[in-house]
Amino acid sequence: MTVLVDDARWEWRGLQWAHLVSDQSYDELHDFARSLGKRRLGFQGDHYDIDSVDRARALDFGARHVDSRELVRRLREAGLRNRHGKPTWERLGSWPSGTAPSDLPEPLLRRAHSLEIDTTTADTALFADPVQRVLLCDLPARMSIPAEASEVATGRRSDGSWSIELFHPT
């Protein structure tokens, strides 16, 4: 495993941010980011932005610190540098906990129900890019997720809540 992280030195919204990358594969990067509780929707084409708290956790989980120049060099050498391929997610709708999502694509709704995800007790949003739709369900910490949900993009967030992303081609 070669997941790399640079210094948290970019300021945004009052926090310091770093970049998380893999010089092996995007799959490795997505798996590692999920272990930190990062949403797949946060993927920036070749990296995830992580704040200084998640950066410290990433180092604890085995990521290697490199400077920014080394990080970009390793991405290029691995053929994973993607300067202009950032996904452009469009929010199609959002529904706070306690409301029933409307106009969800049937395959995503069926998938959520098959995983016993109650979309009325989750903060739910629907996103789309040119090739797929994503149903994002943020479940409170008090809820558990079924074992079958481990096959989808799930992440335990720092506040104990769950973030579940269900993907479906457009």
N, C-alpha and C. Protein backbone atom coordinates (compact mmCIF):
# COMPACT_ATOMS: atom_id res chain seq x y z
N MET A 1 0.85 -1.18 0.00
CA MET A 1 0.00 0.00 0.00
C MET A 1 0.89 1.24 0.00
N THR A 2 0.60 2.15 -0.91
CA THR A 2 1.33 3.42 -0.93
C THR A 2 0.34 4.56 -1.06
N VAL A 3 -0.21 4.94 0.07
CA VAL A 3 -1.07 6.12 0.12
C VAL A 3 -0.21 7.24 0.67
N LEU A 4 -0.28 8.38 0.00
CA LEU A 4 0.58 9.52 0.33
C LEU A 4 -0.26 10.71 0.77
N VAL A 5 0.32 11.52 1.65
CA VAL A 5 -0.35 12.73 2.10
C VAL A 5 0.70 13.83 2.23
N ASP A 6 0.34 15.02 1.79
CA ASP A 6 1.27 16.14 1.92
C ASP A 6 0.92 16.97 3.16
N ASP A 7 1.58 18.11 3.32
CA ASP A 7 1.33 18.96 4.48
C ASP A 7 -0.02 19.64 4.37
N ALA A 8 -0.66 19.81 5.52
CA ALA A 8 -1.93 20.54 5.58
C ALA A 8 -1.60 22.03 5.66
N ARG A 9 -1.51 22.65 4.50
CA ARG A 9 -1.11 24.06 4.48
C ARG A 9 -2.00 24.94 3.63
N TRP A 10 -3.03 24.38 3.01
CA TRP A 10 -3.95 25.16 2.22
C TRP A 10 -5.15 25.51 3.10
N GLU A 11 -5.41 26.79 3.25
CA GLU A 11 -6.50 27.22 4.12
C GLU A 11 -7.79 27.35 3.34
N TRP A 12 -8.86 26.84 3.93
CA TRP A 12 -10.20 26.96 3.37
C TRP A 12 -11.20 26.78 4.50
N ARG A 13 -12.15 27.68 4.59
CA ARG A 13 -13.19 27.63 5.62
C ARG A 13 -12.61 27.51 7.02
N GLY A 14 -11.52 28.20 7.25
CA GLY A 14 -10.93 28.24 8.58
C GLY A 14 -10.13 27.01 8.98
N LEU A 15 -9.93 26.08 8.06
CA LEU A 15 -9.18 24.86 8.35
C LEU A 15 -7.97 24.77 7.42
N GLN A 16 -7.01 23.97 7.81
CA GLN A 16 -5.84 23.68 6.97
C GLN A 16 -6.10 22.35 6.27
N TRP A 17 -5.80 22.29 4.97
CA TRP A 17 -6.12 21.12 4.16
C TRP A 17 -4.87 20.55 3.50
N ALA A 18 -4.91 19.23 3.29
CA ALA A 18 -3.85 18.49 2.63
C ALA A 18 -4.47 17.66 1.51
N HIS A 19 -3.61 16.98 0.74
CA HIS A 19 -4.06 16.10 -0.34
C HIS A 19 -3.72 14.66 0.01
N LEU A 20 -4.66 13.77 -0.26
CA LEU A 20 -4.48 12.34 -0.06
C LEU A 20 -4.52 11.67 -1.42
N VAL A 21 -3.46 10.91 -1.76
CA VAL A 21 -3.36 10.25 -3.06
C VAL A 21 -2.82 8.83 -2.88
N SER A 22 -2.91 8.07 -3.94
CA SER A 22 -2.25 6.77 -4.03
C SER A 22 -1.36 6.79 -5.26
N ASP A 23 -0.19 6.19 -5.14
CA ASP A 23 0.65 6.06 -6.34
C ASP A 23 0.56 4.63 -6.89
N GLN A 24 -0.49 3.90 -6.47
CA GLN A 24 -0.74 2.54 -6.97
C GLN A 24 -2.02 2.47 -7.81
N SER A 25 -3.14 2.93 -7.24
CA SER A 25 -4.41 2.83 -7.96
C SER A 25 -5.47 3.72 -7.30
N TYR A 26 -6.47 4.08 -8.08
CA TYR A 26 -7.59 4.81 -7.52
C TYR A 26 -8.38 3.95 -6.55
N ASP A 27 -8.49 2.64 -6.83
CA ASP A 27 -9.21 1.75 -5.92
C ASP A 27 -8.57 1.77 -4.54
N GLU A 28 -7.24 1.72 -4.49
CA GLU A 28 -6.55 1.78 -3.20
C GLU A 28 -6.87 3.10 -2.49
N LEU A 29 -6.86 4.19 -3.25
CA LEU A 29 -7.16 5.49 -2.67
C LEU A 29 -8.59 5.55 -2.14
N HIS A 30 -9.55 5.07 -2.92
CA HIS A 30 -10.95 5.09 -2.47
C HIS A 30 -11.14 4.25 -1.21
N ASP A 31 -10.53 3.08 -1.15
CA ASP A 31 -10.64 2.23 0.04
C ASP A 31 -10.06 2.92 1.27
N PHE A 32 -8.90 3.54 1.10
CA PHE A 32 -8.26 4.22 2.22
C PHE A 32 -9.10 5.42 2.66
N ALA A 33 -9.58 6.20 1.70
CA ALA A 33 -10.41 7.36 2.03
C ALA A 33 -11.68 6.93 2.76
N ARG A 34 -12.26 5.82 2.33
CA ARG A 34 -13.47 5.32 3.00
C ARG A 34 -13.16 4.96 4.44
N SER A 35 -11.96 4.41 4.72
CA SER A 35 -11.61 4.06 6.10
C SER A 35 -11.51 5.31 6.98
N LEU A 36 -11.28 6.47 6.36
CA LEU A 36 -11.26 7.74 7.08
C LEU A 36 -12.66 8.35 7.20
N GLY A 37 -13.64 7.74 6.54
CA GLY A 37 -14.99 8.28 6.55
C GLY A 37 -15.24 9.32 5.46
N LYS A 38 -14.35 9.38 4.47
CA LYS A 38 -14.52 10.34 3.38
C LYS A 38 -15.54 9.80 2.38
N ARG A 39 -16.34 10.70 1.85
CA ARG A 39 -17.31 10.33 0.83
C ARG A 39 -16.63 10.20 -0.52
N ARG A 40 -17.08 9.26 -1.32
CA ARG A 40 -16.59 9.09 -2.68
C ARG A 40 -16.88 10.34 -3.51
N LEU A 41 -17.95 11.03 -3.16
CA LEU A 41 -18.29 12.27 -3.85
C LEU A 41 -17.21 13.33 -3.66
N GLY A 42 -16.35 13.15 -2.66
CA GLY A 42 -15.28 14.10 -2.41
C GLY A 42 -14.03 13.87 -3.24
N PHE A 43 -14.03 12.84 -4.06
CA PHE A 43 -12.87 12.55 -4.91
C PHE A 43 -12.69 13.68 -5.92
N GLN A 44 -11.48 14.19 -6.02
CA GLN A 44 -11.19 15.37 -6.84
C GLN A 44 -10.46 15.02 -8.15
N GLY A 45 -10.76 13.87 -8.72
CA GLY A 45 -10.16 13.50 -10.01
C GLY A 45 -8.89 12.68 -9.87
N ASP A 46 -8.05 13.00 -8.88
CA ASP A 46 -6.86 12.18 -8.59
C ASP A 46 -6.48 12.24 -7.11
N HIS A 47 -7.28 12.93 -6.29
CA HIS A 47 -6.96 13.05 -4.87
C HIS A 47 -8.22 13.37 -4.07
N TYR A 48 -8.09 13.26 -2.76
CA TYR A 48 -9.09 13.75 -1.83
C TYR A 48 -8.46 14.90 -1.05
N ASP A 49 -9.23 15.93 -0.77
CA ASP A 49 -8.79 16.97 0.15
C ASP A 49 -9.17 16.51 1.56
N ILE A 50 -8.20 16.58 2.48
CA ILE A 50 -8.48 16.18 3.86
C ILE A 50 -7.99 17.27 4.80
N ASP A 51 -8.74 17.48 5.86
CA ASP A 51 -8.34 18.50 6.83
C ASP A 51 -7.24 17.95 7.73
N SER A 52 -6.70 18.79 8.59
CA SER A 52 -5.55 18.40 9.41
C SER A 52 -5.89 17.26 10.38
N VAL A 53 -7.13 17.17 10.85
CA VAL A 53 -7.52 16.06 11.73
C VAL A 53 -7.49 14.75 10.96
N ASP A 54 -8.11 14.73 9.76
CA ASP A 54 -8.09 13.51 8.95
C ASP A 54 -6.68 13.19 8.45
N ARG A 55 -5.86 14.21 8.25
CA ARG A 55 -4.48 13.98 7.86
C ARG A 55 -3.74 13.21 8.95
N ALA A 56 -3.91 13.62 10.20
CA ALA A 56 -3.27 12.91 11.32
C ALA A 56 -3.77 11.47 11.40
N ARG A 57 -5.06 11.26 11.19
CA ARG A 57 -5.62 9.90 11.19
C ARG A 57 -5.05 9.09 10.03
N ALA A 58 -4.92 9.72 8.85
CA ALA A 58 -4.36 9.02 7.69
C ALA A 58 -2.94 8.54 7.99
N LEU A 59 -2.15 9.38 8.63
CA LEU A 59 -0.79 8.97 9.00
C LEU A 59 -0.82 7.82 10.00
N ASP A 60 -1.75 7.88 10.96
CA ASP A 60 -1.90 6.78 11.91
C ASP A 60 -2.31 5.48 11.22
N PHE A 61 -3.08 5.59 10.14
CA PHE A 61 -3.56 4.42 9.40
C PHE A 61 -2.53 3.91 8.41
N GLY A 62 -1.37 4.58 8.28
CA GLY A 62 -0.31 4.07 7.43
C GLY A 62 0.04 4.88 6.21
N ALA A 63 -0.62 6.02 6.00
CA ALA A 63 -0.24 6.87 4.87
C ALA A 63 1.16 7.41 5.12
N ARG A 64 1.88 7.66 4.04
CA ARG A 64 3.24 8.19 4.14
C ARG A 64 3.24 9.68 3.83
N HIS A 65 3.94 10.43 4.66
CA HIS A 65 4.06 11.88 4.42
C HIS A 65 5.11 12.13 3.34
N VAL A 66 4.75 12.97 2.38
CA VAL A 66 5.69 13.46 1.36
C VAL A 66 5.37 14.94 1.16
N ASP A 67 6.33 15.67 0.61
CA ASP A 67 6.02 17.07 0.31
C ASP A 67 5.18 17.13 -0.97
N SER A 68 4.64 18.29 -1.26
CA SER A 68 3.70 18.43 -2.39
C SER A 68 4.33 18.09 -3.73
N ARG A 69 5.58 18.47 -3.91
CA ARG A 69 6.25 18.18 -5.18
C ARG A 69 6.43 16.68 -5.38
N GLU A 70 6.80 16.00 -4.31
CA GLU A 70 6.96 14.55 -4.38
C GLU A 70 5.62 13.88 -4.66
N LEU A 71 4.57 14.37 -4.03
CA LEU A 71 3.24 13.81 -4.23
C LEU A 71 2.83 13.89 -5.70
N VAL A 72 3.01 15.05 -6.32
CA VAL A 72 2.66 15.21 -7.74
C VAL A 72 3.57 14.36 -8.62
N ARG A 73 4.85 14.32 -8.30
CA ARG A 73 5.78 13.51 -9.09
C ARG A 73 5.37 12.04 -9.07
N ARG A 74 5.01 11.53 -7.89
CA ARG A 74 4.62 10.12 -7.77
C ARG A 74 3.30 9.85 -8.50
N LEU A 75 2.38 10.80 -8.47
CA LEU A 75 1.13 10.64 -9.23
C LEU A 75 1.42 10.55 -10.72
N ARG A 76 2.27 11.44 -11.21
CA ARG A 76 2.61 11.43 -12.64
C ARG A 76 3.29 10.13 -13.04
N GLU A 77 4.26 9.70 -12.26
CA GLU A 77 4.99 8.46 -12.58
C GLU A 77 4.07 7.25 -12.61
N ALA A 78 3.06 7.26 -11.75
CA ALA A 78 2.11 6.15 -11.70
C ALA A 78 1.03 6.26 -12.79
N GLY A 79 1.02 7.37 -13.53
CA GLY A 79 0.00 7.58 -14.55
C GLY A 79 -1.35 7.92 -13.97
N LEU A 80 -1.38 8.41 -12.74
CA LEU A 80 -2.63 8.70 -12.05
C LEU A 80 -2.92 10.19 -11.93
N ARG A 81 -2.06 11.04 -12.45
CA ARG A 81 -2.28 12.49 -12.37
C ARG A 81 -3.40 12.85 -13.32
N ASN A 82 -4.39 13.55 -12.82
CA ASN A 82 -5.57 13.90 -13.60
C ASN A 82 -5.95 15.33 -13.28
N ARG A 83 -5.28 16.26 -13.90
CA ARG A 83 -5.48 17.69 -13.58
C ARG A 83 -6.87 18.20 -13.94
N HIS A 84 -7.47 17.67 -14.97
CA HIS A 84 -8.72 18.26 -15.46
C HIS A 84 -9.89 17.29 -15.39
N GLY A 85 -9.72 16.15 -14.74
CA GLY A 85 -10.77 15.15 -14.72
C GLY A 85 -11.63 15.17 -13.48
N LYS A 86 -11.66 16.29 -12.77
CA LYS A 86 -12.47 16.37 -11.56
C LYS A 86 -13.93 16.12 -11.91
N PRO A 87 -14.56 15.19 -11.20
CA PRO A 87 -15.98 14.95 -11.45
C PRO A 87 -16.79 16.22 -11.21
N THR A 88 -17.79 16.41 -12.01
CA THR A 88 -18.66 17.56 -11.83
C THR A 88 -20.02 17.03 -11.38
N TRP A 89 -20.19 16.95 -10.10
CA TRP A 89 -21.43 16.44 -9.54
C TRP A 89 -22.47 17.55 -9.49
N GLU A 90 -23.64 17.25 -9.99
CA GLU A 90 -24.76 18.17 -9.92
C GLU A 90 -25.74 17.64 -8.87
N ARG A 91 -26.12 18.49 -7.93
CA ARG A 91 -27.10 18.09 -6.91
C ARG A 91 -28.48 18.17 -7.54
N LEU A 92 -29.16 17.02 -7.61
CA LEU A 92 -30.49 16.96 -8.21
C LEU A 92 -31.59 17.15 -7.18
N GLY A 93 -31.26 16.94 -5.92
CA GLY A 93 -32.25 17.10 -4.86
C GLY A 93 -31.67 16.73 -3.52
N SER A 94 -32.26 17.25 -2.46
CA SER A 94 -31.85 16.86 -1.11
C SER A 94 -33.06 16.89 -0.20
N TRP A 95 -33.05 15.97 0.76
CA TRP A 95 -34.18 15.81 1.66
C TRP A 95 -33.65 15.61 3.07
N PRO A 96 -34.04 16.48 4.01
CA PRO A 96 -33.58 16.31 5.38
C PRO A 96 -34.26 15.11 6.04
N SER A 97 -33.66 14.66 7.12
CA SER A 97 -34.23 13.57 7.91
C SER A 97 -35.68 13.90 8.26
N GLY A 98 -36.54 12.91 8.15
CA GLY A 98 -37.95 13.11 8.47
C GLY A 98 -38.81 13.37 7.25
N THR A 99 -38.20 13.53 6.10
CA THR A 99 -38.97 13.72 4.87
C THR A 99 -38.68 12.56 3.92
N ALA A 100 -39.64 12.26 3.09
CA ALA A 100 -39.47 11.17 2.14
C ALA A 100 -38.91 11.72 0.83
N PRO A 101 -37.79 11.17 0.37
CA PRO A 101 -37.24 11.62 -0.92
C PRO A 101 -38.23 11.37 -2.04
N SER A 102 -38.34 12.31 -2.94
CA SER A 102 -39.24 12.14 -4.08
C SER A 102 -38.42 12.07 -5.36
N ASP A 103 -38.98 11.46 -6.36
CA ASP A 103 -38.37 11.39 -7.69
C ASP A 103 -37.01 10.72 -7.70
N LEU A 104 -36.78 9.75 -6.81
CA LEU A 104 -35.53 9.01 -6.85
C LEU A 104 -35.59 7.96 -7.95
N PRO A 105 -34.48 7.72 -8.64
CA PRO A 105 -34.49 6.64 -9.64
C PRO A 105 -34.82 5.31 -8.95
N GLU A 106 -35.72 4.58 -9.54
CA GLU A 106 -36.20 3.32 -8.95
C GLU A 106 -35.06 2.36 -8.58
N PRO A 107 -34.03 2.17 -9.43
CA PRO A 107 -32.96 1.24 -9.04
C PRO A 107 -32.24 1.67 -7.75
N LEU A 108 -32.04 2.95 -7.56
CA LEU A 108 -31.38 3.42 -6.33
C LEU A 108 -32.29 3.24 -5.12
N LEU A 109 -33.56 3.53 -5.27
CA LEU A 109 -34.51 3.36 -4.18
C LEU A 109 -34.63 1.89 -3.79
N ARG A 110 -34.72 1.00 -4.79
CA ARG A 110 -34.77 -0.45 -4.50
C ARG A 110 -33.51 -0.89 -3.76
N ARG A 111 -32.35 -0.40 -4.20
CA ARG A 111 -31.08 -0.77 -3.58
C ARG A 111 -31.03 -0.31 -2.13
N ALA A 112 -31.47 0.90 -1.87
CA ALA A 112 -31.49 1.40 -0.49
C ALA A 112 -32.40 0.53 0.38
N HIS A 113 -33.57 0.21 -0.13
CA HIS A 113 -34.50 -0.62 0.64
C HIS A 113 -33.97 -2.04 0.83
N SER A 114 -33.27 -2.58 -0.16
CA SER A 114 -32.71 -3.94 -0.01
C SER A 114 -31.64 -3.97 1.07
N LEU A 115 -31.00 -2.83 1.32
CA LEU A 115 -29.98 -2.74 2.37
C LEU A 115 -30.58 -2.27 3.70
N GLU A 116 -31.92 -2.19 3.74
CA GLU A 116 -32.64 -1.76 4.94
C GLU A 116 -32.26 -0.35 5.37
N ILE A 117 -31.99 0.50 4.40
CA ILE A 117 -31.72 1.90 4.69
C ILE A 117 -33.04 2.65 4.60
N ASP A 118 -33.46 3.22 5.70
CA ASP A 118 -34.69 3.98 5.75
C ASP A 118 -34.38 5.41 5.32
N THR A 119 -34.68 5.74 4.09
CA THR A 119 -34.33 7.05 3.55
C THR A 119 -35.08 8.19 4.23
N THR A 120 -36.14 7.87 5.01
CA THR A 120 -36.84 8.95 5.72
C THR A 120 -36.16 9.31 7.03
N THR A 121 -35.25 8.47 7.53
CA THR A 121 -34.55 8.79 8.78
C THR A 121 -33.13 9.25 8.52
N ALA A 122 -32.78 9.42 7.27
CA ALA A 122 -31.44 9.87 6.89
C ALA A 122 -31.53 11.22 6.19
N ASP A 123 -30.48 12.01 6.31
CA ASP A 123 -30.35 13.16 5.43
C ASP A 123 -29.94 12.58 4.08
N THR A 124 -30.72 12.84 3.06
CA THR A 124 -30.54 12.18 1.77
C THR A 124 -30.36 13.22 0.66
N ALA A 125 -29.48 12.91 -0.27
CA ALA A 125 -29.28 13.79 -1.43
C ALA A 125 -29.01 12.93 -2.65
N LEU A 126 -29.39 13.45 -3.80
CA LEU A 126 -29.16 12.78 -5.07
C LEU A 126 -28.26 13.65 -5.92
N PHE A 127 -27.18 13.05 -6.42
CA PHE A 127 -26.21 13.73 -7.27
C PHE A 127 -26.10 12.99 -8.59
N ALA A 128 -25.64 13.68 -9.61
CA ALA A 128 -25.40 13.04 -10.91
C ALA A 128 -24.20 13.69 -11.56
N ASP A 129 -23.47 12.88 -12.32
CA ASP A 129 -22.44 13.39 -13.22
C ASP A 129 -22.79 12.80 -14.58
N PRO A 130 -21.98 12.98 -15.59
CA PRO A 130 -22.38 12.49 -16.92
C PRO A 130 -22.58 10.98 -17.02
N VAL A 131 -22.02 10.18 -16.11
CA VAL A 131 -22.12 8.73 -16.26
C VAL A 131 -22.84 8.01 -15.14
N GLN A 132 -23.11 8.66 -14.03
CA GLN A 132 -23.74 7.95 -12.93
C GLN A 132 -24.54 8.87 -12.04
N ARG A 133 -25.41 8.24 -11.27
CA ARG A 133 -26.16 8.94 -10.22
C ARG A 133 -25.71 8.35 -8.89
N VAL A 134 -25.74 9.20 -7.87
CA VAL A 134 -25.32 8.77 -6.54
C VAL A 134 -26.38 9.19 -5.54
N LEU A 135 -26.86 8.22 -4.77
CA LEU A 135 -27.76 8.51 -3.67
C LEU A 135 -26.91 8.53 -2.41
N LEU A 136 -26.85 9.67 -1.75
CA LEU A 136 -26.07 9.84 -0.54
C LEU A 136 -27.02 9.82 0.65
N CYS A 137 -26.76 8.94 1.61
CA CYS A 137 -27.57 8.85 2.82
C CYS A 137 -26.64 9.03 4.02
N ASP A 138 -26.87 10.06 4.80
CA ASP A 138 -26.13 10.27 6.04
C ASP A 138 -27.01 9.81 7.19
N LEU A 139 -26.56 8.76 7.85
CA LEU A 139 -27.33 8.15 8.93
C LEU A 139 -26.76 8.58 10.27
N PRO A 140 -27.62 8.84 11.26
CA PRO A 140 -27.12 9.24 12.57
C PRO A 140 -26.28 8.16 13.23
N ALA A 141 -25.45 8.55 14.18
CA ALA A 141 -24.55 7.62 14.86
C ALA A 141 -25.31 6.52 15.58
N ARG A 142 -26.52 6.81 16.06
CA ARG A 142 -27.27 5.81 16.84
C ARG A 142 -27.76 4.65 15.98
N MET A 143 -27.75 4.84 14.65
CA MET A 143 -28.23 3.79 13.76
C MET A 143 -27.08 2.86 13.39
N SER A 144 -27.41 1.62 13.16
CA SER A 144 -26.41 0.69 12.64
C SER A 144 -26.74 0.44 11.18
N ILE A 145 -25.73 -0.02 10.46
CA ILE A 145 -25.98 -0.35 9.06
C ILE A 145 -25.88 -1.86 8.92
N PRO A 146 -26.66 -2.44 8.03
CA PRO A 146 -26.59 -3.89 7.84
C PRO A 146 -25.26 -4.31 7.25
N ALA A 147 -24.86 -5.55 7.51
CA ALA A 147 -23.58 -6.08 7.01
C ALA A 147 -23.50 -6.00 5.50
N GLU A 148 -24.64 -6.16 4.81
CA GLU A 148 -24.63 -6.13 3.35
C GLU A 148 -24.21 -4.77 2.82
N ALA A 149 -24.36 -3.73 3.62
CA ALA A 149 -24.02 -2.39 3.17
C ALA A 149 -22.52 -2.21 3.03
N SER A 150 -21.73 -3.15 3.55
CA SER A 150 -20.28 -3.02 3.44
C SER A 150 -19.81 -3.12 1.98
N GLU A 151 -20.66 -3.65 1.09
CA GLU A 151 -20.28 -3.76 -0.32
C GLU A 151 -20.48 -2.45 -1.07
N VAL A 152 -21.11 -1.47 -0.46
CA VAL A 152 -21.28 -0.17 -1.09
C VAL A 152 -20.32 0.81 -0.43
N ALA A 153 -20.24 2.01 -0.95
CA ALA A 153 -19.32 2.99 -0.38
C ALA A 153 -19.90 3.50 0.93
N THR A 154 -19.34 3.03 2.03
CA THR A 154 -19.77 3.47 3.34
C THR A 154 -18.58 4.04 4.09
N GLY A 155 -18.86 4.90 5.00
CA GLY A 155 -17.79 5.44 5.82
C GLY A 155 -18.32 5.86 7.16
N ARG A 156 -17.60 5.54 8.21
CA ARG A 156 -17.93 6.01 9.54
C ARG A 156 -17.25 7.35 9.71
N ARG A 157 -18.01 8.37 9.94
CA ARG A 157 -17.47 9.72 10.03
C ARG A 157 -16.97 10.00 11.45
N SER A 158 -16.20 11.07 11.60
CA SER A 158 -15.57 11.37 12.89
C SER A 158 -16.59 11.60 13.99
N ASP A 159 -17.82 12.02 13.66
CA ASP A 159 -18.85 12.22 14.69
C ASP A 159 -19.63 10.95 14.98
N GLY A 160 -19.24 9.82 14.37
CA GLY A 160 -19.90 8.54 14.60
C GLY A 160 -21.02 8.24 13.63
N SER A 161 -21.41 9.21 12.82
CA SER A 161 -22.48 8.98 11.85
C SER A 161 -21.95 8.15 10.68
N TRP A 162 -22.88 7.64 9.90
CA TRP A 162 -22.53 6.85 8.72
C TRP A 162 -22.85 7.63 7.46
N SER A 163 -22.01 7.50 6.48
CA SER A 163 -22.26 8.07 5.17
C SER A 163 -22.28 6.90 4.19
N ILE A 164 -23.40 6.72 3.51
CA ILE A 164 -23.55 5.62 2.55
C ILE A 164 -23.84 6.22 1.19
N GLU A 165 -23.09 5.78 0.19
CA GLU A 165 -23.27 6.24 -1.18
C GLU A 165 -23.64 5.06 -2.06
N LEU A 166 -24.75 5.16 -2.74
CA LEU A 166 -25.19 4.13 -3.67
C LEU A 166 -25.07 4.69 -5.07
N PHE A 167 -24.35 3.99 -5.93
CA PHE A 167 -24.07 4.45 -7.29
C PHE A 167 -24.90 3.66 -8.29
N HIS A 168 -25.34 4.34 -9.36
CA HIS A 168 -26.07 3.68 -10.43
C HIS A 168 -25.76 4.42 -11.74
N PRO A 169 -25.49 3.68 -12.82
CA PRO A 169 -25.23 4.34 -14.11
C PRO A 169 -26.43 5.17 -14.57
N THR A 170 -26.16 6.28 -15.25
CA THR A 170 -27.26 7.11 -15.76
C THR A 170 -27.79 6.53 -17.05
